[in-house]
């Protein structure tokens, strides 16, 4: 599996909070070697110890929107998977068909998306 790159944009004080939870904003970049199951991430990439919510905006290539849809596979805070993953889905070009997951070995490194992560 590939791994996403995370660029946090609110790295200076004051830290943003939502109630008692920390809010982190920034940009993710997908990997150059996407595999089934998605591109992985760690909580430390977001500056968090636990992730409650991750909102990912539409993807773009060099600022131009495209047709990929991203979905989050959350890490398990109760002793399961330590890493989460971002899954990418694209159009099958068939009317009414579900979006299939992007094929293995696909280079998605030109694809970026804005995010908001909430946790602590």
PDB file of N, CA and C in Angstrom:
ATOM      1  N   UNK A   1       0.831  -1.188   0.000  1.00  0.00           N
ATOM      2  CA  UNK A   1       0.000   0.000   0.000  1.00  0.00           C
ATOM      3  C   UNK A   1       0.870   1.242   0.000  1.00  0.00           C
ATOM      4  N   UNK A   2       0.369   2.268  -0.649  1.00  0.00           N
ATOM      5  CA  UNK A   2       1.035   3.548  -0.586  1.00  0.00           C
ATOM      6  C   UNK A   2       0.594   4.297   0.658  1.00  0.00           C
ATOM      7  N   UNK A   3       1.202   5.426   0.895  1.00  0.00           N
ATOM      8  CA  UNK A   3       0.841   6.249   2.049  1.00  0.00           C
ATOM      9  C   UNK A   3       0.574   7.674   1.582  1.00  0.00           C
ATOM     10  N   UNK A   4      -0.425   8.307   2.191  1.00  0.00           N
ATOM     11  CA  UNK A   4      -0.708   9.693   1.841  1.00  0.00           C
ATOM     12  C   UNK A   4       0.331  10.606   2.460  1.00  0.00           C
ATOM     13  N   UNK A   5       0.453  11.801   1.917  1.00  0.00           N
ATOM     14  CA  UNK A   5       1.259  12.868   2.504  1.00  0.00           C
ATOM     15  C   UNK A   5       0.285  13.881   3.072  1.00  0.00           C
ATOM     16  N   UNK A   6       0.551  14.357   4.290  1.00  0.00           N
ATOM     17  CA  UNK A   6      -0.329  15.315   4.946  1.00  0.00           C
ATOM     18  C   UNK A   6       0.428  16.613   5.164  1.00  0.00           C
ATOM     19  N   UNK A   7      -0.158  17.729   4.739  1.00  0.00           N
ATOM     20  CA  UNK A   7       0.387  19.067   5.015  1.00  0.00           C
ATOM     21  C   UNK A   7      -0.641  19.793   5.868  1.00  0.00           C
ATOM     22  N   UNK A   8      -0.312  20.000   7.157  1.00  0.00           N
ATOM     23  CA  UNK A   8      -1.217  20.674   8.087  1.00  0.00           C
ATOM     24  C   UNK A   8      -1.072  22.173   7.897  1.00  0.00           C
ATOM     25  N   UNK A   9      -2.198  22.881   7.792  1.00  0.00           N
ATOM     26  CA  UNK A   9      -2.131  24.325   7.543  1.00  0.00           C
ATOM     27  C   UNK A   9      -2.269  25.165   8.800  1.00  0.00           C
ATOM     28  N   UNK A  10      -2.823  24.639   9.894  1.00  0.00           N
ATOM     29  CA  UNK A  10      -2.942  25.434  11.120  1.00  0.00           C
ATOM     30  C   UNK A  10      -1.907  24.984  12.141  1.00  0.00           C
ATOM     31  N   UNK A  11      -0.647  25.238  11.834  1.00  0.00           N
ATOM     32  CA  UNK A  11       0.440  24.769  12.691  1.00  0.00           C
ATOM     33  C   UNK A  11       0.889  25.804  13.717  1.00  0.00           C
ATOM     34  N   UNK A  12       0.334  26.995  13.687  1.00  0.00           N
ATOM     35  CA  UNK A  12       0.709  28.015  14.664  1.00  0.00           C
ATOM     36  C   UNK A  12      -0.396  28.185  15.689  1.00  0.00           C
ATOM     37  N   UNK A  13      -0.040  28.718  16.859  1.00  0.00           N
ATOM     38  CA  UNK A  13      -1.046  28.985  17.903  1.00  0.00           C
ATOM     39  C   UNK A  13      -1.894  30.164  17.476  1.00  0.00           C
ATOM     40  N   UNK A  14      -3.153  30.301  17.876  1.00  0.00           N
ATOM     41  CA  UNK A  14      -3.790  29.329  18.766  1.00  0.00           C
ATOM     42  C   UNK A  14      -4.264  28.103  18.002  1.00  0.00           C
ATOM     43  N   UNK A  15      -4.256  26.975  18.693  1.00  0.00           N
ATOM     44  CA  UNK A  15      -4.757  25.733  18.115  1.00  0.00           C
ATOM     45  C   UNK A  15      -6.269  25.856  17.982  1.00  0.00           C
ATOM     46  N   UNK A  16      -6.823  25.349  16.916  1.00  0.00           N
ATOM     47  CA  UNK A  16      -8.269  25.378  16.733  1.00  0.00           C
ATOM     48  C   UNK A  16      -8.908  24.242  17.517  1.00  0.00           C
ATOM     49  N   UNK A  17     -10.018  24.562  18.200  1.00  0.00           N
ATOM     50  CA  UNK A  17     -10.738  23.553  18.977  1.00  0.00           C
ATOM     51  C   UNK A  17     -12.208  23.549  18.611  1.00  0.00           C
ATOM     52  N   UNK A  18     -12.824  22.373  18.711  1.00  0.00           N
ATOM     53  CA  UNK A  18     -14.252  22.184  18.535  1.00  0.00           C
ATOM     54  C   UNK A  18     -14.708  21.519  19.831  1.00  0.00           C
ATOM     55  N   UNK A  19     -15.268  22.311  20.753  1.00  0.00           N
ATOM     56  CA  UNK A  19     -15.530  21.799  22.096  1.00  0.00           C
ATOM     57  C   UNK A  19     -14.198  21.458  22.737  1.00  0.00           C
ATOM     58  N   UNK A  20     -14.051  20.229  23.196  1.00  0.00           N
ATOM     59  CA  UNK A  20     -12.792  19.808  23.810  1.00  0.00           C
ATOM     60  C   UNK A  20     -11.876  19.092  22.822  1.00  0.00           C
ATOM     61  N   UNK A  21     -12.249  19.079  21.565  1.00  0.00           N
ATOM     62  CA  UNK A  21     -11.465  18.358  20.558  1.00  0.00           C
ATOM     63  C   UNK A  21     -10.634  19.312  19.704  1.00  0.00           C
ATOM     64  N   UNK A  22      -9.505  18.820  19.281  1.00  0.00           N
ATOM     65  CA  UNK A  22      -8.607  19.586  18.423  1.00  0.00           C
ATOM     66  C   UNK A  22      -9.079  19.477  16.972  1.00  0.00           C
ATOM     67  N   UNK A  23      -9.001  20.585  16.245  1.00  0.00           N
ATOM     68  CA  UNK A  23      -9.375  20.606  14.830  1.00  0.00           C
ATOM     69  C   UNK A  23      -8.134  20.931  14.004  1.00  0.00           C
ATOM     70  N   UNK A  24      -7.853  20.100  13.020  1.00  0.00           N
ATOM     71  CA  UNK A  24      -6.673  20.260  12.173  1.00  0.00           C
ATOM     72  C   UNK A  24      -7.141  20.410  10.725  1.00  0.00           C
ATOM     73  N   UNK A  25      -6.583  21.400  10.029  1.00  0.00           N
ATOM     74  CA  UNK A  25      -6.905  21.647   8.618  1.00  0.00           C
ATOM     75  C   UNK A  25      -5.654  21.456   7.778  1.00  0.00           C
ATOM     76  N   UNK A  26      -5.826  21.090   6.519  1.00  0.00           N
ATOM     77  CA  UNK A  26      -4.675  20.978   5.644  1.00  0.00           C
ATOM     78  C   UNK A  26      -5.019  20.322   4.323  1.00  0.00           C
ATOM     79  N   UNK A  27      -3.985  19.761   3.708  1.00  0.00           N
ATOM     80  CA  UNK A  27      -4.100  19.136   2.395  1.00  0.00           C
ATOM     81  C   UNK A  27      -3.481  17.752   2.445  1.00  0.00           C
ATOM     82  N   UNK A  28      -4.160  16.767   1.848  1.00  0.00           N
ATOM     83  CA  UNK A  28      -3.563  15.446   1.669  1.00  0.00           C
ATOM     84  C   UNK A  28      -3.199  15.273   0.204  1.00  0.00           C
ATOM     85  N   UNK A  29      -2.161  14.490  -0.015  1.00  0.00           N
ATOM     86  CA  UNK A  29      -1.741  14.110  -1.366  1.00  0.00           C
ATOM     87  C   UNK A  29      -1.704  12.593  -1.406  1.00  0.00           C
ATOM     88  N   UNK A  30      -2.336  12.011  -2.392  1.00  0.00           N
ATOM     89  CA  UNK A  30      -2.367  10.558  -2.526  1.00  0.00           C
ATOM     90  C   UNK A  30      -0.993  10.045  -2.964  1.00  0.00           C
ATOM     91  N   UNK A  31      -0.796   8.717  -2.906  1.00  0.00           N
ATOM     92  CA  UNK A  31       0.511   8.129  -3.198  1.00  0.00           C
ATOM     93  C   UNK A  31       0.714   7.863  -4.688  1.00  0.00           C
ATOM     94  N   UNK A  32       1.929   7.474  -5.017  1.00  0.00           N
ATOM     95  CA  UNK A  32       2.262   7.144  -6.405  1.00  0.00           C
ATOM     96  C   UNK A  32       2.048   5.658  -6.694  1.00  0.00           C
ATOM     97  N   UNK A  33       1.611   4.886  -5.684  1.00  0.00           N
ATOM     98  CA  UNK A  33       1.417   3.452  -5.871  1.00  0.00           C
ATOM     99  C   UNK A  33       0.180   2.988  -5.106  1.00  0.00           C
ATOM    100  N   UNK A  34      -0.995   3.447  -5.544  1.00  0.00           N
ATOM    101  CA  UNK A  34      -2.255   3.091  -4.879  1.00  0.00           C
ATOM    102  C   UNK A  34      -2.500   1.594  -4.982  1.00  0.00           C
ATOM    103  N   UNK A  35      -2.928   0.986  -3.867  1.00  0.00           N
ATOM    104  CA  UNK A  35      -3.256  -0.442  -3.830  1.00  0.00           C
ATOM    105  C   UNK A  35      -4.652  -0.621  -3.246  1.00  0.00           C
ATOM    106  N   UNK A  36      -5.292  -1.753  -3.525  1.00  0.00           N
ATOM    107  CA  UNK A  36      -6.600  -2.067  -2.950  1.00  0.00           C
ATOM    108  C   UNK A  36      -6.515  -1.940  -1.436  1.00  0.00           C
ATOM    109  N   UNK A  37      -7.503  -1.335  -0.849  1.00  0.00           N
ATOM    110  CA  UNK A  37      -7.478  -1.093   0.588  1.00  0.00           C
ATOM    111  C   UNK A  37      -7.064   0.320   0.913  1.00  0.00           C
ATOM    112  N   UNK A  38      -6.561   1.053  -0.076  1.00  0.00           N
ATOM    113  CA  UNK A  38      -6.299   2.480   0.082  1.00  0.00           C
ATOM    114  C   UNK A  38      -4.886   2.857   0.458  1.00  0.00           C
ATOM    115  N   UNK A  39      -4.661   4.161   0.455  1.00  0.00           N
ATOM    116  CA  UNK A  39      -3.395   4.750   0.903  1.00  0.00           C
ATOM    117  C   UNK A  39      -3.487   4.969   2.406  1.00  0.00           C
ATOM    118  N   UNK A  40      -2.479   4.530   3.128  1.00  0.00           N
ATOM    119  CA  UNK A  40      -2.521   4.576   4.583  1.00  0.00           C
ATOM    120  C   UNK A  40      -2.125   5.935   5.143  1.00  0.00           C
ATOM    121  N   UNK A  41      -2.535   6.148   6.410  1.00  0.00           N
ATOM    122  CA  UNK A  41      -2.102   7.318   7.172  1.00  0.00           C
ATOM    123  C   UNK A  41      -1.976   6.929   8.635  1.00  0.00           C
ATOM    124  N   UNK A  42      -1.198   7.713   9.372  1.00  0.00           N
ATOM    125  CA  UNK A  42      -1.087   7.535  10.816  1.00  0.00           C
ATOM    126  C   UNK A  42      -1.678   8.769  11.488  1.00  0.00           C
ATOM    127  N   UNK A  43      -2.101   8.618  12.708  1.00  0.00           N
ATOM    128  CA  UNK A  43      -2.662   9.745  13.452  1.00  0.00           C
ATOM    129  C   UNK A  43      -1.636  10.847  13.656  1.00  0.00           C
ATOM    130  N   UNK A  44      -0.372  10.465  13.819  1.00  0.00           N
ATOM    131  CA  UNK A  44       0.665  11.473  14.047  1.00  0.00           C
ATOM    132  C   UNK A  44       0.838  12.409  12.856  1.00  0.00           C
ATOM    133  N   UNK A  45       0.466  11.959  11.654  1.00  0.00           N
ATOM    134  CA  UNK A  45       0.545  12.849  10.492  1.00  0.00           C
ATOM    135  C   UNK A  45      -0.397  14.044  10.644  1.00  0.00           C
ATOM    136  N   UNK A  46      -1.464  13.861  11.407  1.00  0.00           N
ATOM    137  CA  UNK A  46      -2.421  14.932  11.654  1.00  0.00           C
ATOM    138  C   UNK A  46      -2.165  15.630  12.988  1.00  0.00           C
ATOM    139  N   UNK A  47      -1.154  15.180  13.728  1.00  0.00           N
ATOM    140  CA  UNK A  47      -0.872  15.751  15.037  1.00  0.00           C
ATOM    141  C   UNK A  47      -1.902  15.338  16.073  1.00  0.00           C
ATOM    142  N   UNK A  48      -2.517  14.166  15.896  1.00  0.00           N
ATOM    143  CA  UNK A  48      -3.569  13.698  16.794  1.00  0.00           C
ATOM    144  C   UNK A  48      -3.191  12.351  17.408  1.00  0.00           C
ATOM    145  N   UNK A  49      -3.797  12.068  18.565  1.00  0.00           N
ATOM    146  CA  UNK A  49      -3.634  10.767  19.200  1.00  0.00           C
ATOM    147  C   UNK A  49      -4.834   9.871  18.925  1.00  0.00           C
ATOM    148  N   UNK A  50      -5.979  10.480  18.636  1.00  0.00           N
ATOM    149  CA  UNK A  50      -7.180   9.743  18.275  1.00  0.00           C
ATOM    150  C   UNK A  50      -7.959  10.562  17.260  1.00  0.00           C
ATOM    151  N   UNK A  51      -8.563   9.892  16.300  1.00  0.00           N
ATOM    152  CA  UNK A  51      -9.304  10.563  15.234  1.00  0.00           C
ATOM    153  C   UNK A  51     -10.787  10.263  15.381  1.00  0.00           C
ATOM    154  N   UNK A  52     -11.582  11.331  15.558  1.00  0.00           N
ATOM    155  CA  UNK A  52     -13.031  11.169  15.666  1.00  0.00           C
ATOM    156  C   UNK A  52     -13.723  11.356  14.326  1.00  0.00           C
ATOM    157  N   UNK A  53     -13.170  12.248  13.494  1.00  0.00           N
ATOM    158  CA  UNK A  53     -13.838  12.599  12.237  1.00  0.00           C
ATOM    159  C   UNK A  53     -12.803  13.119  11.250  1.00  0.00           C
ATOM    160  N   UNK A  54     -12.902  12.711  10.014  1.00  0.00           N
ATOM    161  CA  UNK A  54     -12.033  13.207   8.959  1.00  0.00           C
ATOM    162  C   UNK A  54     -12.896  13.540   7.750  1.00  0.00           C
ATOM    163  N   UNK A  55     -12.981  14.824   7.438  1.00  0.00           N
ATOM    164  CA  UNK A  55     -13.745  15.287   6.276  1.00  0.00           C
ATOM    165  C   UNK A  55     -12.763  15.593   5.166  1.00  0.00           C
ATOM    166  N   UNK A  56     -12.960  14.965   4.013  1.00  0.00           N
ATOM    167  CA  UNK A  56     -12.067  15.167   2.873  1.00  0.00           C
ATOM    168  C   UNK A  56     -12.866  15.794   1.748  1.00  0.00           C
ATOM    169  N   UNK A  57     -12.375  16.914   1.244  1.00  0.00           N
ATOM    170  CA  UNK A  57     -13.039  17.595   0.137  1.00  0.00           C
ATOM    171  C   UNK A  57     -12.799  16.878  -1.174  1.00  0.00           C
ATOM    172  N   UNK A  58     -13.363  17.399  -2.250  1.00  0.00           N
ATOM    173  CA  UNK A  58     -13.158  16.800  -3.571  1.00  0.00           C
ATOM    174  C   UNK A  58     -11.687  16.833  -3.966  1.00  0.00           C
ATOM    175  N   UNK A  59     -11.257  15.851  -4.736  1.00  0.00           N
ATOM    176  CA  UNK A  59      -9.871  15.820  -5.195  1.00  0.00           C
ATOM    177  C   UNK A  59      -9.688  16.749  -6.389  1.00  0.00           C
ATOM    178  N   UNK A  60      -8.438  17.142  -6.587  1.00  0.00           N
ATOM    179  CA  UNK A  60      -8.087  18.002  -7.710  1.00  0.00           C
ATOM    180  C   UNK A  60      -6.695  17.641  -8.191  1.00  0.00           C
ATOM    181  N   UNK A  61      -6.417  17.918  -9.456  1.00  0.00           N
ATOM    182  CA  UNK A  61      -5.081  17.767 -10.020  1.00  0.00           C
ATOM    183  C   UNK A  61      -4.636  19.161 -10.428  1.00  0.00           C
ATOM    184  N   UNK A  62      -3.563  19.627  -9.812  1.00  0.00           N
ATOM    185  CA  UNK A  62      -3.068  20.977 -10.074  1.00  0.00           C
ATOM    186  C   UNK A  62      -4.196  22.009  -9.976  1.00  0.00           C
ATOM    187  N   UNK A  63      -5.080  21.824  -8.984  1.00  0.00           N
ATOM    188  CA  UNK A  63      -6.164  22.765  -8.752  1.00  0.00           C
ATOM    189  C   UNK A  63      -7.398  22.543  -9.598  1.00  0.00           C
ATOM    190  N   UNK A  64      -7.372  21.589 -10.531  1.00  0.00           N
ATOM    191  CA  UNK A  64      -8.525  21.315 -11.390  1.00  0.00           C
ATOM    192  C   UNK A  64      -9.302  20.119 -10.826  1.00  0.00           C
ATOM    193  N   UNK A  65     -10.593  20.275 -10.495  1.00  0.00           N
ATOM    194  CA  UNK A  65     -11.379  19.161  -9.951  1.00  0.00           C
ATOM    195  C   UNK A  65     -11.420  17.981 -10.917  1.00  0.00           C
ATOM    196  N   UNK A  66     -11.547  16.761 -10.343  1.00  0.00           N
ATOM    197  CA  UNK A  66     -11.650  15.554 -11.164  1.00  0.00           C
ATOM    198  C   UNK A  66     -12.716  14.635 -10.588  1.00  0.00           C
ATOM    199  N   UNK A  67     -12.833  13.441 -11.104  1.00  0.00           N
ATOM    200  CA  UNK A  67     -13.959  12.575 -10.764  1.00  0.00           C
ATOM    201  C   UNK A  67     -13.692  11.540  -9.674  1.00  0.00           C
ATOM    202  N   UNK A  68     -12.551  11.571  -8.981  1.00  0.00           N
ATOM    203  CA  UNK A  68     -12.325  10.600  -7.916  1.00  0.00           C
ATOM    204  C   UNK A  68     -13.097  10.983  -6.665  1.00  0.00           C
ATOM    205  N   UNK A  69     -13.617   9.967  -5.976  1.00  0.00           N
ATOM    206  CA  UNK A  69     -14.280  10.147  -4.695  1.00  0.00           C
ATOM    207  C   UNK A  69     -13.418   9.443  -3.655  1.00  0.00           C
ATOM    208  N   UNK A  70     -13.130  10.131  -2.540  1.00  0.00           N
ATOM    209  CA  UNK A  70     -12.300   9.552  -1.495  1.00  0.00           C
ATOM    210  C   UNK A  70     -13.154   9.185  -0.288  1.00  0.00           C
ATOM    211  N   UNK A  71     -12.819   8.075   0.342  1.00  0.00           N
ATOM    212  CA  UNK A  71     -13.530   7.589   1.516  1.00  0.00           C
ATOM    213  C   UNK A  71     -12.509   7.230   2.590  1.00  0.00           C
ATOM    214  N   UNK A  72     -12.916   7.336   3.853  1.00  0.00           N
ATOM    215  CA  UNK A  72     -11.997   7.102   4.970  1.00  0.00           C
ATOM    216  C   UNK A  72     -12.272   5.747   5.614  1.00  0.00           C
ATOM    217  N   UNK A  73     -11.222   4.972   5.842  1.00  0.00           N
ATOM    218  CA  UNK A  73     -11.268   3.774   6.678  1.00  0.00           C
ATOM    219  C   UNK A  73     -10.562   4.166   7.970  1.00  0.00           C
ATOM    220  N   UNK A  74     -11.334   4.376   9.025  1.00  0.00           N
ATOM    221  CA  UNK A  74     -10.785   4.905  10.280  1.00  0.00           C
ATOM    222  C   UNK A  74      -9.933   3.877  11.003  1.00  0.00           C
ATOM    223  N   UNK A  75      -8.865   4.371  11.701  1.00  0.00           N
ATOM    224  CA  UNK A  75      -8.097   3.463  12.554  1.00  0.00           C
ATOM    225  C   UNK A  75      -8.967   3.049  13.742  1.00  0.00           C
ATOM    226  N   UNK A  76      -8.711   1.883  14.273  1.00  0.00           N
ATOM    227  CA  UNK A  76      -9.483   1.369  15.393  1.00  0.00           C
ATOM    228  C   UNK A  76      -8.799   1.766  16.694  1.00  0.00           C
ATOM    229  N   UNK A  77      -9.464   2.592  17.499  1.00  0.00           N
ATOM    230  CA  UNK A  77      -8.872   3.101  18.742  1.00  0.00           C
ATOM    231  C   UNK A  77      -8.909   2.068  19.860  1.00  0.00           C
ATOM    232  N   UNK A  78      -9.530   0.922  19.651  1.00  0.00           N
ATOM    233  CA  UNK A  78      -9.643  -0.061  20.731  1.00  0.00           C
ATOM    234  C   UNK A  78      -8.709  -1.246  20.535  1.00  0.00           C
ATOM    235  N   UNK A  79      -7.570  -1.011  19.928  1.00  0.00           N
ATOM    236  CA  UNK A  79      -6.569  -2.053  19.812  1.00  0.00           C
ATOM    237  C   UNK A  79      -6.505  -2.740  18.460  1.00  0.00           C
ATOM    238  N   UNK A  80      -7.294  -2.298  17.508  1.00  0.00           N
ATOM    239  CA  UNK A  80      -7.257  -2.881  16.169  1.00  0.00           C
ATOM    240  C   UNK A  80      -6.182  -2.216  15.324  1.00  0.00           C
ATOM    241  N   UNK A  81      -6.516  -1.885  14.093  1.00  0.00           N
ATOM    242  CA  UNK A  81      -5.556  -1.278  13.170  1.00  0.00           C
ATOM    243  C   UNK A  81      -5.063   0.060  13.701  1.00  0.00           C
ATOM    244  N   UNK A  82      -3.755   0.239  13.711  1.00  0.00           N
ATOM    245  CA  UNK A  82      -3.177   1.490  14.183  1.00  0.00           C
ATOM    246  C   UNK A  82      -3.253   2.571  13.118  1.00  0.00           C
ATOM    247  N   UNK A  83      -3.310   2.170  11.862  1.00  0.00           N
ATOM    248  CA  UNK A  83      -3.346   3.120  10.760  1.00  0.00           C
ATOM    249  C   UNK A  83      -4.730   3.148  10.123  1.00  0.00           C
ATOM    250  N   UNK A  84      -5.077   4.301   9.567  1.00  0.00           N
ATOM    251  CA  UNK A  84      -6.276   4.415   8.763  1.00  0.00           C
ATOM    252  C   UNK A  84      -5.879   4.370   7.302  1.00  0.00           C
ATOM    253  N   UNK A  85      -6.865   4.523   6.432  1.00  0.00           N
ATOM    254  CA  UNK A  85      -6.586   4.526   5.002  1.00  0.00           C
ATOM    255  C   UNK A  85      -7.579   5.438   4.297  1.00  0.00           C
ATOM    256  N   UNK A  86      -7.132   5.989   3.188  1.00  0.00           N
ATOM    257  CA  UNK A  86      -7.982   6.769   2.302  1.00  0.00           C
ATOM    258  C   UNK A  86      -8.181   5.920   1.048  1.00  0.00           C
ATOM    259  N   UNK A  87      -9.434   5.581   0.773  1.00  0.00           N
ATOM    260  CA  UNK A  87      -9.762   4.776  -0.406  1.00  0.00           C
ATOM    261  C   UNK A  87     -10.225   5.681  -1.529  1.00  0.00           C
ATOM    262  N   UNK A  88      -9.810   5.379  -2.751  1.00  0.00           N
ATOM    263  CA  UNK A  88     -10.179   6.182  -3.923  1.00  0.00           C
ATOM    264  C   UNK A  88     -11.088   5.361  -4.836  1.00  0.00           C
ATOM    265  N   UNK A  89     -12.154   6.008  -5.287  1.00  0.00           N
ATOM    266  CA  UNK A  89     -13.110   5.373  -6.187  1.00  0.00           C
ATOM    267  C   UNK A  89     -13.278   6.256  -7.411  1.00  0.00           C
ATOM    268  N   UNK A  90     -13.433   5.638  -8.575  1.00  0.00           N
ATOM    269  CA  UNK A  90     -13.584   6.390  -9.816  1.00  0.00           C
ATOM    270  C   UNK A  90     -14.769   5.890 -10.621  1.00  0.00           C
ATOM    271  N   UNK A  91     -15.127   6.622 -11.623  1.00  0.00           N
ATOM    272  CA  UNK A  91     -16.285   6.294 -12.451  1.00  0.00           C
ATOM    273  C   UNK A  91     -16.021   5.064 -13.308  1.00  0.00           C
ATOM    274  N   UNK A  92     -17.039   4.225 -13.419  1.00  0.00           N
ATOM    275  CA  UNK A  92     -16.928   3.060 -14.301  1.00  0.00           C
ATOM    276  C   UNK A  92     -17.431   3.393 -15.704  1.00  0.00           C
ATOM    277  N   UNK A  93     -17.907   4.621 -15.900  1.00  0.00           N
ATOM    278  CA  UNK A  93     -18.452   5.086 -17.176  1.00  0.00           C
ATOM    279  C   UNK A  93     -19.675   4.298 -17.615  1.00  0.00           C
ATOM    280  N   UNK A  94     -20.317   3.576 -16.688  1.00  0.00           N
ATOM    281  CA  UNK A  94     -21.546   2.847 -16.978  1.00  0.00           C
ATOM    282  C   UNK A  94     -22.673   3.485 -16.187  1.00  0.00           C
ATOM    283  N   UNK A  95     -23.700   3.926 -16.848  1.00  0.00           N
ATOM    284  CA  UNK A  95     -24.814   4.580 -16.189  1.00  0.00           C
ATOM    285  C   UNK A  95     -25.425   3.672 -15.125  1.00  0.00           C
ATOM    286  N   UNK A  96     -25.568   4.191 -13.911  1.00  0.00           N
ATOM    287  CA  UNK A  96     -26.171   3.448 -12.816  1.00  0.00           C
ATOM    288  C   UNK A  96     -25.237   2.496 -12.103  1.00  0.00           C
ATOM    289  N   UNK A  97     -24.010   2.352 -12.566  1.00  0.00           N
ATOM    290  CA  UNK A  97     -23.063   1.421 -11.940  1.00  0.00           C
ATOM    291  C   UNK A  97     -22.394   2.084 -10.739  1.00  0.00           C
ATOM    292  N   UNK A  98     -22.036   1.262  -9.764  1.00  0.00           N
ATOM    293  CA  UNK A  98     -21.305   1.755  -8.593  1.00  0.00           C
ATOM    294  C   UNK A  98     -19.907   2.192  -9.003  1.00  0.00           C
ATOM    295  N   UNK A  99     -19.331   3.136  -8.242  1.00  0.00           N
ATOM    296  CA  UNK A  99     -17.950   3.559  -8.496  1.00  0.00           C
ATOM    297  C   UNK A  99     -17.017   2.451  -8.014  1.00  0.00           C
ATOM    298  N   UNK A 100     -16.181   1.885  -8.897  1.00  0.00           N
ATOM    299  CA  UNK A 100     -15.224   0.865  -8.466  1.00  0.00           C
ATOM    300  C   UNK A 100     -14.010   1.525  -7.802  1.00  0.00           C
ATOM    301  N   UNK A 101     -13.353   0.751  -6.931  1.00  0.00           N
ATOM    302  CA  UNK A 101     -12.121   1.239  -6.329  1.00  0.00           C
ATOM    303  C   UNK A 101     -11.056   1.371  -7.426  1.00  0.00           C
ATOM    304  N   UNK A 102     -10.194   2.358  -7.296  1.00  0.00           N
ATOM    305  CA  UNK A 102      -9.128   2.594  -8.260  1.00  0.00           C
ATOM    306  C   UNK A 102      -8.241   1.347  -8.342  1.00  0.00           C
ATOM    307  N   UNK A 103      -7.736   1.038  -9.520  1.00  0.00           N
ATOM    308  CA  UNK A 103      -6.931  -0.164  -9.759  1.00  0.00           C
ATOM    309  C   UNK A 103      -5.592  -0.108  -9.021  1.00  0.00           C
ATOM    310  N   UNK A 104      -5.085  -1.299  -8.685  1.00  0.00           N
ATOM    311  CA  UNK A 104      -3.761  -1.399  -8.064  1.00  0.00           C
ATOM    312  C   UNK A 104      -2.695  -0.761  -8.945  1.00  0.00           C
ATOM    313  N   UNK A 105      -1.651  -0.251  -8.307  1.00  0.00           N
ATOM    314  CA  UNK A 105      -0.477   0.340  -8.958  1.00  0.00           C
ATOM    315  C   UNK A 105      -0.790   1.635  -9.704  1.00  0.00           C
ATOM    316  N   UNK A 106      -1.912   2.288  -9.375  1.00  0.00           N
ATOM    317  CA  UNK A 106      -2.259   3.550 -10.012  1.00  0.00           C
ATOM    318  C   UNK A 106      -1.505   4.686  -9.321  1.00  0.00           C
ATOM    319  N   UNK A 107      -0.923   5.567 -10.111  1.00  0.00           N
ATOM    320  CA  UNK A 107      -0.217   6.736  -9.587  1.00  0.00           C
ATOM    321  C   UNK A 107      -1.224   7.857  -9.358  1.00  0.00           C
ATOM    322  N   UNK A 108      -1.506   8.155  -8.091  1.00  0.00           N
ATOM    323  CA  UNK A 108      -2.432   9.227  -7.725  1.00  0.00           C
ATOM    324  C   UNK A 108      -1.701  10.407  -7.093  1.00  0.00           C
ATOM    325  N   UNK A 109      -0.378  10.457  -7.223  1.00  0.00           N
ATOM    326  CA  UNK A 109       0.408  11.478  -6.521  1.00  0.00           C
ATOM    327  C   UNK A 109       0.123  12.908  -6.983  1.00  0.00           C
ATOM    328  N   UNK A 110      -0.550  13.087  -8.103  1.00  0.00           N
ATOM    329  CA  UNK A 110      -0.922  14.432  -8.541  1.00  0.00           C
ATOM    330  C   UNK A 110      -2.259  14.867  -7.934  1.00  0.00           C
ATOM    331  N   UNK A 111      -2.929  13.974  -7.200  1.00  0.00           N
ATOM    332  CA  UNK A 111      -4.248  14.266  -6.645  1.00  0.00           C
ATOM    333  C   UNK A 111      -4.142  14.768  -5.210  1.00  0.00           C
ATOM    334  N   UNK A 112      -4.728  15.925  -4.967  1.00  0.00           N
ATOM    335  CA  UNK A 112      -4.734  16.520  -3.640  1.00  0.00           C
ATOM    336  C   UNK A 112      -6.172  16.794  -3.218  1.00  0.00           C
ATOM    337  N   UNK A 113      -6.369  16.915  -1.909  1.00  0.00           N
ATOM    338  CA  UNK A 113      -7.688  17.254  -1.375  1.00  0.00           C
ATOM    339  C   UNK A 113      -7.505  17.980  -0.049  1.00  0.00           C
ATOM    340  N   UNK A 114      -8.380  18.950   0.210  1.00  0.00           N
ATOM    341  CA  UNK A 114      -8.382  19.645   1.496  1.00  0.00           C
ATOM    342  C   UNK A 114      -9.052  18.731   2.528  1.00  0.00           C
ATOM    343  N   UNK A 115      -8.610  18.853   3.802  1.00  0.00           N
ATOM    344  CA  UNK A 115      -9.229  18.038   4.845  1.00  0.00           C
ATOM    345  C   UNK A 115      -9.461  18.860   6.112  1.00  0.00           C
ATOM    346  N   UNK A 116     -10.363  18.343   6.952  1.00  0.00           N
ATOM    347  CA  UNK A 116     -10.551  18.807   8.319  1.00  0.00           C
ATOM    348  C   UNK A 116     -10.619  17.568   9.180  1.00  0.00           C
ATOM    349  N   UNK A 117      -9.696  17.462  10.126  1.00  0.00           N
ATOM    350  CA  UNK A 117      -9.661  16.325  11.031  1.00  0.00           C
ATOM    351  C   UNK A 117     -10.015  16.806  12.450  1.00  0.00           C
ATOM    352  N   UNK A 118     -10.833  16.008  13.153  1.00  0.00           N
ATOM    353  CA  UNK A 118     -11.220  16.342  14.512  1.00  0.00           C
ATOM    354  C   UNK A 118     -10.849  15.165  15.405  1.00  0.00           C
ATOM    355  N   UNK A 119     -10.178  15.443  16.486  1.00  0.00           N
ATOM    356  CA  UNK A 119      -9.769  14.399  17.424  1.00  0.00           C
ATOM    357  C   UNK A 119      -9.085  15.015  18.620  1.00  0.00           C
ATOM    358  N   UNK A 120      -8.176  14.256  19.224  1.00  0.00           N
ATOM    359  CA  UNK A 120      -7.364  14.801  20.309  1.00  0.00           C
ATOM    360  C   UNK A 120      -6.061  14.074  20.383  1.00  0.00           C
TER     361      UNK A 120
END
